[in-house]
Amino acid sequence: MTFRGTNTYILGRGEVAVMDPGPDDPTHLQAILDATRGETITHILMSHDHHDHSALVPKLKEATGAPLLAFHAPTSALVPDVALQDGDRVEGDTWAVEVIHTPGHTDDHLCFATGDLCLTGDHVMGWATSAIIPPRGNLRAYMDSLDKMAARPWRRFLSAHGDPIEEPARRLEALKASRQAREASILSLLDSGGLTLDDLVAQLYRRLGPGLARAARLNVEAHVIALAEDGRLLREGDRVVRS
């Protein structure tokens, strides 16, 4: 689910910020401390509270004394020292970022922009689409957040998993098209009658890798929830039918 692992970013020189410390892994913690040797970590920025991004936060705070800055959602058990909101600006002597709230993958997700470069967390990745896991994940919010990002002229995205994205506009368009195609596929499958969520998953993900069944089912459920809210289908117990 994390490809080659979580990308942790260090912003600035001298007094620096660390974005997305990552999982609770002593090797990863040591790598951060080694990379900032001779510098001072003054801020810990977090895109969202999923464990592969946030589990190392307590140990990094203990090692550095730096505060955690993140969006605080009522659904999250992780409480930041400084709660960030859309449009906030956070800066040090040699770095500055604009906070962009991009709910969808989860309700607390933030991107951090510096000029025409953006640290996109799990909102935009090059290696895969973002998982939308209800109830904190919301497909319509995700699509709105894609549109929000597409309204700006980005040069490059740096995501939490995978390589840099050198054509941000094209990637945003592809992610939106992928979700629209998935909705069309669900509605097409329901043309011949009602199906269960498991039926839909089996027909939509014919080459599903091991360990991904739960995530695939939840992603399909996110689409079903959105289509039901739009009045385009109905849920009858475990079955889904066209409205």
C-alpha atoms as a PDB file:
ATOM      1  CA  MET A   1       0.000   0.000   0.000  1.00  0.00           C
ATOM      2  CA  THR A   2       2.993   2.352   0.347  1.00  0.00           C
ATOM      3  CA  PHE A   3       4.956   1.334  -2.783  1.00  0.00           C
ATOM      4  CA  ARG A   4       8.645   1.793  -1.815  1.00  0.00           C
ATOM      5  CA  GLY A   5       7.707   3.351   1.547  1.00  0.00           C
ATOM      6  CA  THR A   6       6.951   6.861   2.750  1.00  0.00           C
ATOM      7  CA  ASN A   7       8.896   9.827   1.380  1.00  0.00           C
ATOM      8  CA  THR A   8       9.981  12.203   4.137  1.00  0.00           C
ATOM      9  CA  TYR A   9      10.909  15.733   3.041  1.00  0.00           C
ATOM     10  CA  ILE A  10      13.290  18.177   4.727  1.00  0.00           C
ATOM     11  CA  LEU A  11      12.674  21.853   3.994  1.00  0.00           C
ATOM     12  CA  GLY A  12      15.317  24.559   4.282  1.00  0.00           C
ATOM     13  CA  ARG A  13      18.818  24.798   5.696  1.00  0.00           C
ATOM     14  CA  GLY A  14      19.995  25.416   9.242  1.00  0.00           C
ATOM     15  CA  GLU A  15      16.599  25.542  10.942  1.00  0.00           C
ATOM     16  CA  VAL A  16      14.509  23.063   8.978  1.00  0.00           C
ATOM     17  CA  ALA A  17      11.061  21.511   8.778  1.00  0.00           C
ATOM     18  CA  VAL A  18      10.409  17.789   8.372  1.00  0.00           C
ATOM     19  CA  MET A  19       7.280  16.775   6.495  1.00  0.00           C
ATOM     20  CA  ASP A  20       5.696  13.349   7.068  1.00  0.00           C
ATOM     21  CA  PRO A  21       8.144  11.661   9.476  1.00  0.00           C
ATOM     22  CA  GLY A  22       6.804   8.260   8.430  1.00  0.00           C
ATOM     23  CA  PRO A  23       6.186   4.934  10.152  1.00  0.00           C
ATOM     24  CA  ASP A  24       7.479   3.950  13.582  1.00  0.00           C
ATOM     25  CA  ASP A  25      10.753   2.610  12.235  1.00  0.00           C
ATOM     26  CA  PRO A  26      14.029   3.227  14.124  1.00  0.00           C
ATOM     27  CA  THR A  27      16.011   3.076  10.898  1.00  0.00           C
ATOM     28  CA  HIS A  28      13.853   5.790   9.364  1.00  0.00           C
ATOM     29  CA  LEU A  29      14.173   7.952  12.479  1.00  0.00           C
ATOM     30  CA  GLN A  30      17.941   7.615  12.382  1.00  0.00           C
ATOM     31  CA  ALA A  31      17.972   8.504   8.683  1.00  0.00           C
ATOM     32  CA  ILE A  32      16.116  11.770   9.441  1.00  0.00           C
ATOM     33  CA  LEU A  33      18.470  12.630  12.288  1.00  0.00           C
ATOM     34  CA  ASP A  34      21.533  11.791  10.173  1.00  0.00           C
ATOM     35  CA  ALA A  35      20.247  13.899   7.266  1.00  0.00           C
ATOM     36  CA  THR A  36      19.772  16.917   9.568  1.00  0.00           C
ATOM     37  CA  ARG A  37      23.006  16.565  11.511  1.00  0.00           C
ATOM     38  CA  GLY A  38      24.345  20.061  12.236  1.00  0.00           C
ATOM     39  CA  GLU A  39      20.885  21.537  11.655  1.00  0.00           C
ATOM     40  CA  THR A  40      17.881  22.098  13.930  1.00  0.00           C
ATOM     41  CA  ILE A  41      14.456  20.644  13.230  1.00  0.00           C
ATOM     42  CA  THR A  42      12.051  23.422  14.244  1.00  0.00           C
ATOM     43  CA  HIS A  43       8.792  22.200  12.655  1.00  0.00           C
ATOM     44  CA  ILE A  44       7.171  18.839  11.949  1.00  0.00           C
ATOM     45  CA  LEU A  45       4.601  19.115   9.148  1.00  0.00           C
ATOM     46  CA  MET A  46       2.144  16.327   8.449  1.00  0.00           C
ATOM     47  CA  SER A  47      -0.003  15.773   5.377  1.00  0.00           C
ATOM     48  CA  HIS A  48      -2.434  13.507   7.263  1.00  0.00           C
ATOM     49  CA  ASP A  49      -2.575  11.160  10.212  1.00  0.00           C
ATOM     50  CA  HIS A  50      -2.340   7.725   8.572  1.00  0.00           C
ATOM     51  CA  HIS A  51       0.217   5.611  10.389  1.00  0.00           C
ATOM     52  CA  ASP A  52       2.685   5.374   7.505  1.00  0.00           C
ATOM     53  CA  HIS A  53       3.025   9.168   7.781  1.00  0.00           C
ATOM     54  CA  SER A  54       2.510   9.921  11.460  1.00  0.00           C
ATOM     55  CA  ALA A  55       3.556   6.989  13.646  1.00  0.00           C
ATOM     56  CA  LEU A  56       7.124   8.307  13.999  1.00  0.00           C
ATOM     57  CA  VAL A  57       5.944  11.749  15.173  1.00  0.00           C
ATOM     58  CA  PRO A  58       6.175  11.077  18.947  1.00  0.00           C
ATOM     59  CA  LYS A  59       9.759   9.830  18.726  1.00  0.00           C
ATOM     60  CA  LEU A  60      10.842  12.637  16.411  1.00  0.00           C
ATOM     61  CA  LYS A  61       9.267  15.174  18.776  1.00  0.00           C
ATOM     62  CA  GLU A  62      11.077  13.570  21.692  1.00  0.00           C
ATOM     63  CA  ALA A  63      14.391  13.657  19.831  1.00  0.00           C
ATOM     64  CA  THR A  64      14.077  17.251  18.615  1.00  0.00           C
ATOM     65  CA  GLY A  65      11.500  19.121  20.702  1.00  0.00           C
ATOM     66  CA  ALA A  66       9.880  20.354  17.487  1.00  0.00           C
ATOM     67  CA  PRO A  67       6.111  20.950  17.461  1.00  0.00           C
ATOM     68  CA  LEU A  68       3.703  19.106  15.188  1.00  0.00           C
ATOM     69  CA  LEU A  69       1.727  21.221  12.708  1.00  0.00           C
ATOM     70  CA  ALA A  70      -1.237  19.544  11.003  1.00  0.00           C
ATOM     71  CA  PHE A  71      -4.934  19.842  10.275  1.00  0.00           C
ATOM     72  CA  HIS A  72      -6.980  18.799  13.277  1.00  0.00           C
ATOM     73  CA  ALA A  73     -10.062  16.783  12.367  1.00  0.00           C
ATOM     74  CA  PRO A  74     -12.470  15.701  15.130  1.00  0.00           C
ATOM     75  CA  THR A  75     -12.169  12.173  13.740  1.00  0.00           C
ATOM     76  CA  SER A  76      -8.407  12.063  14.386  1.00  0.00           C
ATOM     77  CA  ALA A  77      -6.814  10.782  17.574  1.00  0.00           C
ATOM     78  CA  LEU A  78      -3.637  12.724  16.810  1.00  0.00           C
ATOM     79  CA  VAL A  79      -3.796  16.290  18.120  1.00  0.00           C
ATOM     80  CA  PRO A  80      -1.292  18.741  16.584  1.00  0.00           C
ATOM     81  CA  ASP A  81       0.545  21.350  18.653  1.00  0.00           C
ATOM     82  CA  VAL A  82      -0.450  23.884  15.998  1.00  0.00           C
ATOM     83  CA  ALA A  83      -3.655  23.332  14.029  1.00  0.00           C
ATOM     84  CA  LEU A  84      -3.354  24.387  10.395  1.00  0.00           C
ATOM     85  CA  GLN A  85      -6.116  25.664   8.137  1.00  0.00           C
ATOM     86  CA  ASP A  86      -6.447  26.153   4.409  1.00  0.00           C
ATOM     87  CA  GLY A  87      -4.489  29.204   3.289  1.00  0.00           C
ATOM     88  CA  ASP A  88      -2.174  29.360   6.302  1.00  0.00           C
ATOM     89  CA  ARG A  89       1.488  30.179   5.720  1.00  0.00           C
ATOM     90  CA  VAL A  90       4.235  28.449   7.691  1.00  0.00           C
ATOM     91  CA  GLU A  91       7.836  29.569   7.373  1.00  0.00           C
ATOM     92  CA  GLY A  92      11.352  29.436   8.716  1.00  0.00           C
ATOM     93  CA  ASP A  93      14.444  31.463   7.879  1.00  0.00           C
ATOM     94  CA  THR A  94      15.105  29.637   4.588  1.00  0.00           C
ATOM     95  CA  TRP A  95      11.761  28.047   3.690  1.00  0.00           C
ATOM     96  CA  ALA A  96       8.062  28.850   3.492  1.00  0.00           C
ATOM     97  CA  VAL A  97       4.972  26.841   2.556  1.00  0.00           C
ATOM     98  CA  GLU A  98       1.319  27.598   1.895  1.00  0.00           C
ATOM     99  CA  VAL A  99      -1.161  25.178   3.452  1.00  0.00           C
ATOM    100  CA  ILE A 100      -3.773  23.700   1.095  1.00  0.00           C
ATOM    101  CA  HIS A 101      -6.554  21.612   2.633  1.00  0.00           C
ATOM    102  CA  THR A 102      -7.308  18.753   0.243  1.00  0.00           C
ATOM    103  CA  PRO A 103      -9.831  16.399   1.872  1.00  0.00           C
ATOM    104  CA  GLY A 104     -10.814  13.228   0.057  1.00  0.00           C
ATOM    105  CA  HIS A 105      -8.180  10.588   0.737  1.00  0.00           C
ATOM    106  CA  THR A 106      -9.012  11.465   4.331  1.00  0.00           C
ATOM    107  CA  ASP A 107     -10.696  14.443   5.958  1.00  0.00           C
ATOM    108  CA  ASP A 108      -7.521  15.976   7.430  1.00  0.00           C
ATOM    109  CA  HIS A 109      -5.331  15.847   4.332  1.00  0.00           C
ATOM    110  CA  LEU A 110      -3.062  18.817   3.579  1.00  0.00           C
ATOM    111  CA  CYS A 111      -0.750  19.684   0.704  1.00  0.00           C
ATOM    112  CA  PHE A 112       2.107  22.154   1.168  1.00  0.00           C
ATOM    113  CA  ALA A 113       3.005  24.535  -1.659  1.00  0.00           C
ATOM    114  CA  THR A 114       6.161  26.527  -2.198  1.00  0.00           C
ATOM    115  CA  GLY A 115       5.890  28.593  -5.353  1.00  0.00           C
ATOM    116  CA  ASP A 116       4.924  26.335  -8.260  1.00  0.00           C
ATOM    117  CA  LEU A 117       6.127  23.194  -6.482  1.00  0.00           C
ATOM    118  CA  CYS A 118       3.795  21.265  -4.187  1.00  0.00           C
ATOM    119  CA  LEU A 119       4.284  18.517  -1.620  1.00  0.00           C
ATOM    120  CA  THR A 120       1.123  16.511  -2.247  1.00  0.00           C
ATOM    121  CA  GLY A 121       1.189  13.751   0.363  1.00  0.00           C
ATOM    122  CA  ASP A 122      -1.220  11.003  -0.674  1.00  0.00           C
ATOM    123  CA  HIS A 123      -3.590  13.325  -2.538  1.00  0.00           C
ATOM    124  CA  VAL A 124      -1.645  13.079  -5.804  1.00  0.00           C
ATOM    125  CA  MET A 125       0.783  10.210  -6.358  1.00  0.00           C
ATOM    126  CA  GLY A 126       2.425   9.043  -9.546  1.00  0.00           C
ATOM    127  CA  TRP A 127       2.488   5.324  -8.843  1.00  0.00           C
ATOM    128  CA  ALA A 128      -1.203   4.800  -8.022  1.00  0.00           C
ATOM    129  CA  THR A 129      -4.495   6.505  -7.342  1.00  0.00           C
ATOM    130  CA  SER A 130      -5.279   7.481  -3.760  1.00  0.00           C
ATOM    131  CA  ALA A 131      -7.283   5.071  -1.648  1.00  0.00           C
ATOM    132  CA  ILE A 132     -10.642   6.504  -0.572  1.00  0.00           C
ATOM    133  CA  ILE A 133     -11.618   4.717   2.636  1.00  0.00           C
ATOM    134  CA  PRO A 134     -15.019   5.683   4.107  1.00  0.00           C
ATOM    135  CA  PRO A 135     -16.070   7.217   6.394  1.00  0.00           C
ATOM    136  CA  ARG A 136     -13.089   9.600   6.618  1.00  0.00           C
ATOM    137  CA  GLY A 137     -12.386   9.194   2.929  1.00  0.00           C
ATOM    138  CA  ASN A 138     -14.931  10.887   0.678  1.00  0.00           C
ATOM    139  CA  LEU A 139     -14.984  10.599  -3.088  1.00  0.00           C
ATOM    140  CA  ARG A 140     -16.814  13.849  -3.838  1.00  0.00           C
ATOM    141  CA  ALA A 141     -14.446  15.767  -1.547  1.00  0.00           C
ATOM    142  CA  TYR A 142     -11.515  14.099  -3.333  1.00  0.00           C
ATOM    143  CA  MET A 143     -12.799  15.155  -6.755  1.00  0.00           C
ATOM    144  CA  ASP A 144     -13.349  18.710  -5.517  1.00  0.00           C
ATOM    145  CA  SER A 145      -9.786  18.746  -4.148  1.00  0.00           C
ATOM    146  CA  LEU A 146      -8.439  17.592  -7.524  1.00  0.00           C
ATOM    147  CA  ASP A 147     -10.267  20.507  -9.153  1.00  0.00           C
ATOM    148  CA  LYS A 148      -8.907  22.863  -6.494  1.00  0.00           C
ATOM    149  CA  MET A 149      -5.346  21.798  -7.290  1.00  0.00           C
ATOM    150  CA  ALA A 150      -5.962  21.894 -11.052  1.00  0.00           C
ATOM    151  CA  ALA A 151      -6.844  25.592 -10.865  1.00  0.00           C
ATOM    152  CA  ARG A 152      -3.186  26.482 -10.289  1.00  0.00           C
ATOM    153  CA  PRO A 153      -0.175  26.324 -12.674  1.00  0.00           C
ATOM    154  CA  TRP A 154       2.094  23.785 -10.959  1.00  0.00           C
ATOM    155  CA  ARG A 155       5.560  22.884 -12.226  1.00  0.00           C
ATOM    156  CA  ARG A 156       6.202  19.771 -10.138  1.00  0.00           C
ATOM    157  CA  PHE A 157       4.575  17.602  -7.464  1.00  0.00           C
ATOM    158  CA  LEU A 158       6.485  15.700  -4.795  1.00  0.00           C
ATOM    159  CA  SER A 159       4.264  13.040  -3.280  1.00  0.00           C
ATOM    160  CA  ALA A 160       4.538  10.859  -0.196  1.00  0.00           C
ATOM    161  CA  HIS A 161       5.031   7.680  -2.229  1.00  0.00           C
ATOM    162  CA  GLY A 162       6.875   7.243  -5.490  1.00  0.00           C
ATOM    163  CA  ASP A 163       8.821   9.503  -7.820  1.00  0.00           C
ATOM    164  CA  PRO A 164       8.384  13.223  -8.553  1.00  0.00           C
ATOM    165  CA  ILE A 165       5.495  14.100 -10.852  1.00  0.00           C
ATOM    166  CA  GLU A 166       6.841  16.283 -13.645  1.00  0.00           C
ATOM    167  CA  GLU A 167       3.519  16.972 -15.407  1.00  0.00           C
ATOM    168  CA  PRO A 168       1.137  17.864 -12.590  1.00  0.00           C
ATOM    169  CA  ALA A 169      -1.747  19.061 -14.782  1.00  0.00           C
ATOM    170  CA  ARG A 170      -1.749  15.837 -16.784  1.00  0.00           C
ATOM    171  CA  ARG A 171      -1.623  13.728 -13.627  1.00  0.00           C
ATOM    172  CA  LEU A 172      -4.536  15.584 -12.034  1.00  0.00           C
ATOM    173  CA  GLU A 173      -6.559  15.117 -15.212  1.00  0.00           C
ATOM    174  CA  ALA A 174      -5.720  11.404 -15.302  1.00  0.00           C
ATOM    175  CA  LEU A 175      -6.732  10.878 -11.673  1.00  0.00           C
ATOM    176  CA  LYS A 176     -10.072  12.567 -12.217  1.00  0.00           C
ATOM    177  CA  ALA A 177     -10.705  10.610 -15.420  1.00  0.00           C
ATOM    178  CA  SER A 178      -9.882   7.351 -13.627  1.00  0.00           C
ATOM    179  CA  ARG A 179     -12.519   7.994 -10.970  1.00  0.00           C
ATOM    180  CA  GLN A 180     -15.103   9.034 -13.545  1.00  0.00           C
ATOM    181  CA  ALA A 181     -14.410   5.853 -15.523  1.00  0.00           C
ATOM    182  CA  ARG A 182     -14.815   3.758 -12.372  1.00  0.00           C
ATOM    183  CA  GLU A 183     -18.208   5.330 -11.684  1.00  0.00           C
ATOM    184  CA  ALA A 184     -19.278   4.623 -15.271  1.00  0.00           C
ATOM    185  CA  SER A 185     -18.149   1.004 -14.915  1.00  0.00           C
ATOM    186  CA  ILE A 186     -20.158   0.531 -11.717  1.00  0.00           C
ATOM    187  CA  LEU A 187     -23.302   1.946 -13.303  1.00  0.00           C
ATOM    188  CA  SER A 188     -22.778  -0.207 -16.404  1.00  0.00           C
ATOM    189  CA  LEU A 189     -22.439  -3.372 -14.315  1.00  0.00           C
ATOM    190  CA  LEU A 190     -25.701  -2.526 -12.568  1.00  0.00           C
ATOM    191  CA  ASP A 191     -27.608  -2.205 -15.856  1.00  0.00           C
ATOM    192  CA  SER A 192     -28.398  -5.930 -15.776  1.00  0.00           C
ATOM    193  CA  GLY A 193     -29.632  -5.917 -12.176  1.00  0.00           C
ATOM    194  CA  GLY A 194     -28.564  -5.513  -8.585  1.00  0.00           C
ATOM    195  CA  LEU A 195     -25.176  -6.686  -7.324  1.00  0.00           C
ATOM    196  CA  THR A 196     -23.484  -6.867  -3.957  1.00  0.00           C
ATOM    197  CA  LEU A 197     -20.352  -4.875  -3.179  1.00  0.00           C
ATOM    198  CA  ASP A 198     -18.350  -8.087  -3.361  1.00  0.00           C
ATOM    199  CA  ASP A 199     -19.817  -8.809  -6.812  1.00  0.00           C
ATOM    200  CA  LEU A 200     -18.768  -5.359  -7.976  1.00  0.00           C
ATOM    201  CA  VAL A 201     -15.243  -5.774  -6.587  1.00  0.00           C
ATOM    202  CA  ALA A 202     -14.854  -9.165  -8.274  1.00  0.00           C
ATOM    203  CA  GLN A 203     -15.831  -7.736 -11.657  1.00  0.00           C
ATOM    204  CA  LEU A 204     -13.959  -4.453 -11.365  1.00  0.00           C
ATOM    205  CA  TYR A 205     -10.687  -5.898  -9.990  1.00  0.00           C
ATOM    206  CA  ARG A 206     -10.082  -9.102 -11.911  1.00  0.00           C
ATOM    207  CA  ARG A 207      -6.327  -9.147 -11.224  1.00  0.00           C
ATOM    208  CA  LEU A 208      -6.330  -7.973  -7.643  1.00  0.00           C
ATOM    209  CA  GLY A 209      -3.005  -8.471  -5.869  1.00  0.00           C
ATOM    210  CA  PRO A 210      -2.798 -10.315  -2.549  1.00  0.00           C
ATOM    211  CA  GLY A 211      -3.652  -8.229   0.488  1.00  0.00           C
ATOM    212  CA  LEU A 212      -5.545  -5.571  -1.500  1.00  0.00           C
ATOM    213  CA  ALA A 213      -9.066  -7.020  -1.322  1.00  0.00           C
ATOM    214  CA  ARG A 214     -10.166  -4.909   1.656  1.00  0.00           C
ATOM    215  CA  ALA A 215      -8.842  -1.665   0.165  1.00  0.00           C
ATOM    216  CA  ALA A 216     -10.506  -2.450  -3.169  1.00  0.00           C
ATOM    217  CA  ARG A 217     -13.854  -3.119  -1.484  1.00  0.00           C
ATOM    218  CA  LEU A 218     -13.670   0.133   0.469  1.00  0.00           C
ATOM    219  CA  ASN A 219     -12.769   2.065  -2.669  1.00  0.00           C
ATOM    220  CA  VAL A 220     -15.790   0.635  -4.444  1.00  0.00           C
ATOM    221  CA  GLU A 221     -17.928   1.471  -1.424  1.00  0.00           C
ATOM    222  CA  ALA A 222     -16.721   5.090  -1.622  1.00  0.00           C
ATOM    223  CA  HIS A 223     -17.982   5.230  -5.220  1.00  0.00           C
ATOM    224  CA  VAL A 224     -21.269   3.606  -4.235  1.00  0.00           C
ATOM    225  CA  ILE A 225     -21.780   6.125  -1.423  1.00  0.00           C
ATOM    226  CA  ALA A 226     -21.118   9.041  -3.782  1.00  0.00           C
ATOM    227  CA  LEU A 227     -23.426   7.676  -6.491  1.00  0.00           C
ATOM    228  CA  ALA A 228     -26.150   7.044  -3.924  1.00  0.00           C
ATOM    229  CA  GLU A 229     -25.834  10.613  -2.629  1.00  0.00           C
ATOM    230  CA  ASP A 230     -26.192  11.798  -6.237  1.00  0.00           C
ATOM    231  CA  GLY A 231     -29.384   9.730  -6.577  1.00  0.00           C
ATOM    232  CA  ARG A 232     -27.927   7.534  -9.318  1.00  0.00           C
ATOM    233  CA  LEU A 233     -28.197   4.246  -7.430  1.00  0.00           C
ATOM    234  CA  LEU A 234     -29.778   2.735  -4.328  1.00  0.00           C
ATOM    235  CA  ARG A 235     -28.465   0.425  -1.622  1.00  0.00           C
ATOM    236  CA  GLU A 236     -30.828  -2.297  -0.498  1.00  0.00           C
ATOM    237  CA  GLY A 237     -29.089  -4.072   2.349  1.00  0.00           C
ATOM    238  CA  ASP A 238     -25.887  -5.483   0.864  1.00  0.00           C
ATOM    239  CA  ARG A 239     -27.168  -5.080  -2.701  1.00  0.00           C
ATOM    240  CA  VAL A 240     -26.754  -2.088  -4.976  1.00  0.00           C
ATOM    241  CA  VAL A 241     -29.225  -1.275  -7.769  1.00  0.00           C
ATOM    242  CA  ARG A 242     -29.675   1.496 -10.322  1.00  0.00           C
ATOM    243  CA  SER A 243     -32.163   4.104  -9.207  1.00  0.00           C
END
